[in-house]
């Protein structure tokens, strides 16, 4: 289950991150936030999530979803975009607590957020990326139907070069999982200006 992150989710997300997201020698993130000192990581996370929620506006927004299996919080799923009403594209990101990895949850999370983007927000494409040394994330992308979309050379940790694989998914290539049930999307579309006459005419062309 994916629910928009609330204040009540913050302690659980912090505890989950502190319990471990990846092996110490690995780094799946372009910004290595997960290796912050344990005394600093909680404040960093709360400030980041709070700022994302406070700055949410139609021109630029991040959707943050707490991911649960039954009642257990297992990770975070995101969708980031700029000028979505025009571009109809956004990028997914996610992380799972270490003890919840390797169980198929990452694939299901990605299928859910992509279905939401295509079916509820009328996205034309969804992008993602993963470092070449992160085979688990790239495997999820393959399962969901993404195609390769070039690479980029990035500084990841101090003095470390990492190659990022860019990926793109279209509605036609999307490999769906089980159907999802969505509530609250109509209000979000209205706030984002996606239910205007212009928007509807654009989608019909």
Protein backbone atom coordinates (compact mmCIF):
# COMPACT_ATOMS: atom_id res chain seq x y z
CA UNK A 1 0.00 0.00 0.00
CA UNK A 2 1.23 3.47 -0.90
CA UNK A 3 0.00 6.47 1.10
CA UNK A 4 1.08 10.10 0.91
CA UNK A 5 3.69 10.68 3.60
CA UNK A 6 2.24 12.30 6.73
CA UNK A 7 3.81 13.61 9.94
CA UNK A 8 2.93 10.31 11.58
CA UNK A 9 5.14 8.44 9.08
CA UNK A 10 8.32 10.40 9.85
CA UNK A 11 9.50 8.49 12.95
CA UNK A 12 9.01 5.17 11.17
CA UNK A 13 10.84 6.29 8.03
CA UNK A 14 13.74 7.58 10.12
CA UNK A 15 13.94 4.33 12.09
CA UNK A 16 13.81 2.32 8.86
CA UNK A 17 16.65 4.34 7.32
CA UNK A 18 18.74 4.00 10.46
CA UNK A 19 18.26 0.24 10.38
CA UNK A 20 19.99 0.11 6.98
CA UNK A 21 19.07 0.63 3.32
CA UNK A 22 22.14 -0.78 1.60
CA UNK A 23 25.42 -2.51 2.47
CA UNK A 24 28.11 -0.16 3.75
CA UNK A 25 30.27 -0.62 0.66
CA UNK A 26 27.41 0.21 -1.74
CA UNK A 27 25.85 3.58 -2.62
CA UNK A 28 22.66 3.60 -4.72
CA UNK A 29 22.04 7.35 -4.34
CA UNK A 30 23.59 10.25 -6.27
CA UNK A 31 23.62 12.22 -3.00
CA UNK A 32 24.92 9.85 -0.28
CA UNK A 33 22.41 10.99 2.36
CA UNK A 34 22.08 7.50 3.84
CA UNK A 35 25.65 7.54 5.19
CA UNK A 36 25.13 10.60 7.37
CA UNK A 37 26.08 10.30 11.02
CA UNK A 38 23.24 8.52 12.88
CA UNK A 39 22.92 11.58 15.12
CA UNK A 40 22.39 13.81 12.09
CA UNK A 41 20.38 11.59 9.75
CA UNK A 42 17.00 11.95 11.56
CA UNK A 43 17.09 15.74 11.41
CA UNK A 44 18.27 15.69 7.81
CA UNK A 45 15.41 13.42 6.78
CA UNK A 46 12.73 15.39 8.61
CA UNK A 47 13.97 18.69 7.17
CA UNK A 48 14.10 17.27 3.65
CA UNK A 49 10.64 15.68 3.73
CA UNK A 50 9.13 18.76 5.38
CA UNK A 51 10.66 21.07 2.76
CA UNK A 52 9.40 18.89 -0.10
CA UNK A 53 5.88 18.94 1.29
CA UNK A 54 5.98 22.69 1.98
CA UNK A 55 7.20 23.55 -1.53
CA UNK A 56 4.66 21.36 -3.34
CA UNK A 57 3.17 23.39 -6.18
CA UNK A 58 1.91 22.65 -9.70
CA UNK A 59 5.07 23.97 -11.36
CA UNK A 60 7.39 21.66 -9.43
CA UNK A 61 6.49 18.87 -7.06
CA UNK A 62 7.56 15.63 -5.48
CA UNK A 63 5.03 12.98 -4.55
CA UNK A 64 6.26 11.08 -1.49
CA UNK A 65 4.54 7.81 -0.63
CA UNK A 66 5.13 5.71 2.46
CA UNK A 67 5.08 2.04 1.45
CA UNK A 68 3.52 -0.57 3.70
CA UNK A 69 2.96 -4.29 3.50
CA UNK A 70 -0.02 -4.93 5.73
CA UNK A 71 0.75 -2.52 8.59
CA UNK A 72 4.55 -2.68 8.30
CA UNK A 73 6.37 0.34 6.92
CA UNK A 74 8.99 -0.93 4.45
CA UNK A 75 10.16 2.05 2.39
CA UNK A 76 9.53 5.22 0.41
CA UNK A 77 8.40 5.72 -3.20
CA UNK A 78 8.74 9.09 -4.94
CA UNK A 79 7.78 10.83 -8.18
CA UNK A 80 9.57 14.08 -9.03
CA UNK A 81 8.64 16.45 -11.86
CA UNK A 82 8.90 20.02 -13.09
CA UNK A 83 6.32 21.73 -15.33
CA UNK A 84 4.34 18.49 -15.49
CA UNK A 85 1.25 20.06 -17.09
CA UNK A 86 3.45 20.79 -20.13
CA UNK A 87 6.11 18.07 -20.10
CA UNK A 88 3.97 15.13 -18.92
CA UNK A 89 7.11 13.45 -17.61
CA UNK A 90 8.54 12.74 -14.18
CA UNK A 91 11.18 10.60 -12.52
CA UNK A 92 10.61 7.84 -9.98
CA UNK A 93 12.85 7.07 -7.04
CA UNK A 94 12.56 4.71 -4.10
CA UNK A 95 14.27 2.94 -1.26
CA UNK A 96 13.51 -0.08 0.90
CA UNK A 97 14.77 -1.15 4.29
CA UNK A 98 17.43 -3.83 3.84
CA UNK A 99 15.40 -6.52 5.53
CA UNK A 100 12.55 -5.99 3.06
CA UNK A 101 14.65 -6.27 -0.11
CA UNK A 102 14.68 -9.24 -2.45
CA UNK A 103 10.99 -10.01 -1.93
CA UNK A 104 9.50 -8.37 -5.02
CA UNK A 105 8.32 -5.24 -3.22
CA UNK A 106 10.53 -2.93 -5.28
CA UNK A 107 8.91 -4.10 -8.52
CA UNK A 108 5.40 -3.74 -7.13
CA UNK A 109 6.14 -0.24 -5.81
CA UNK A 110 7.42 0.84 -9.22
CA UNK A 111 4.44 -0.66 -11.03
CA UNK A 112 2.10 1.15 -8.66
CA UNK A 113 3.68 4.59 -9.05
CA UNK A 114 3.91 4.20 -12.84
CA UNK A 115 0.27 3.13 -13.06
CA UNK A 116 -0.66 6.17 -10.97
CA UNK A 117 1.37 8.49 -13.22
CA UNK A 118 -0.05 7.10 -16.46
CA UNK A 119 -3.65 6.45 -15.45
CA UNK A 120 -4.35 9.24 -12.96
CA UNK A 121 -1.97 12.04 -14.00
CA UNK A 122 -1.92 11.18 -17.74
CA UNK A 123 1.87 11.11 -18.00
CA UNK A 124 3.33 10.57 -21.48
CA UNK A 125 6.45 8.91 -20.08
CA UNK A 126 8.12 8.10 -16.79
CA UNK A 127 11.88 8.15 -16.30
CA UNK A 128 14.21 6.50 -13.83
CA UNK A 129 17.92 5.93 -13.38
CA UNK A 130 20.31 3.61 -11.58
CA UNK A 131 24.05 3.32 -11.25
CA UNK A 132 25.62 0.49 -13.22
CA UNK A 133 26.74 -1.12 -9.96
CA UNK A 134 23.12 -1.32 -8.72
CA UNK A 135 21.84 -4.40 -10.59
CA UNK A 136 18.77 -4.82 -8.37
CA UNK A 137 17.34 -1.44 -9.36
CA UNK A 138 18.11 -1.98 -13.03
CA UNK A 139 16.43 -5.41 -12.86
CA UNK A 140 13.25 -3.79 -11.53
CA UNK A 141 13.30 -1.35 -14.44
CA UNK A 142 13.62 -4.18 -16.95
CA UNK A 143 10.71 -6.06 -15.39
CA UNK A 144 8.49 -2.97 -15.59
CA UNK A 145 9.33 -2.26 -19.24
CA UNK A 146 11.79 0.65 -19.21
CA UNK A 147 14.21 1.03 -22.11
CA UNK A 148 17.77 2.34 -21.93
CA UNK A 149 18.07 6.09 -22.44
CA UNK A 150 21.77 6.94 -22.31
CA UNK A 151 24.31 7.23 -19.51
CA UNK A 152 25.91 10.00 -17.48
CA UNK A 153 29.17 10.24 -15.54
CA UNK A 154 28.70 11.56 -12.00
CA UNK A 155 30.70 12.20 -8.87
CA UNK A 156 28.94 10.05 -6.26
CA UNK A 157 31.08 9.98 -3.12
CA UNK A 158 34.20 12.11 -2.58
CA UNK A 159 36.63 11.38 -5.42
CA UNK A 160 34.45 8.57 -6.81
CA UNK A 161 33.20 8.34 -10.39
CA UNK A 162 29.94 6.47 -11.00
CA UNK A 163 28.12 5.77 -14.26
CA UNK A 164 24.38 6.43 -14.16
CA UNK A 165 22.08 4.54 -16.51
CA UNK A 166 19.09 6.62 -17.57
CA UNK A 167 15.84 4.81 -18.38
CA UNK A 168 12.46 5.75 -19.86
CA UNK A 169 9.06 4.06 -19.82
CA UNK A 170 6.05 4.73 -22.05
CA UNK A 171 2.46 3.57 -21.48
CA UNK A 172 2.71 1.14 -24.40
CA UNK A 173 5.78 -0.60 -22.96
CA UNK A 174 4.58 -0.61 -19.35
CA UNK A 175 4.42 -4.09 -17.82
CA UNK A 176 1.63 -3.81 -15.27
CA UNK A 177 1.23 -5.88 -12.16
CA UNK A 178 -2.00 -6.41 -10.28
CA UNK A 179 -4.54 -3.57 -10.67
CA UNK A 180 -4.26 -0.72 -8.19
CA UNK A 181 -7.09 1.05 -6.38
CA UNK A 182 -6.63 4.82 -6.11
CA UNK A 183 -8.35 7.36 -3.86
CA UNK A 184 -7.80 11.12 -3.79
CA UNK A 185 -6.48 11.50 -7.34
CA UNK A 186 -9.30 13.81 -8.47
CA UNK A 187 -8.38 16.44 -5.91
CA UNK A 188 -4.71 16.22 -6.87
CA UNK A 189 -5.52 16.63 -10.56
CA UNK A 190 -7.59 19.71 -9.80
CA UNK A 191 -4.80 21.26 -7.71
CA UNK A 192 -2.26 20.57 -10.47
CA UNK A 193 -4.52 21.99 -13.17
CA UNK A 194 -4.79 18.69 -15.01
CA UNK A 195 -8.58 18.70 -15.39
CA UNK A 196 -8.90 21.91 -17.39
CA UNK A 197 -10.58 21.96 -20.83
CA UNK A 198 -7.14 22.52 -22.40
CA UNK A 199 -5.76 19.48 -20.65
CA UNK A 200 -8.62 17.29 -21.78
CA UNK A 201 -8.33 18.44 -25.40
CA UNK A 202 -4.57 17.79 -25.34
CA UNK A 203 -5.14 14.24 -24.11
CA UNK A 204 -7.71 13.59 -26.84
CA UNK A 205 -5.29 14.49 -29.65
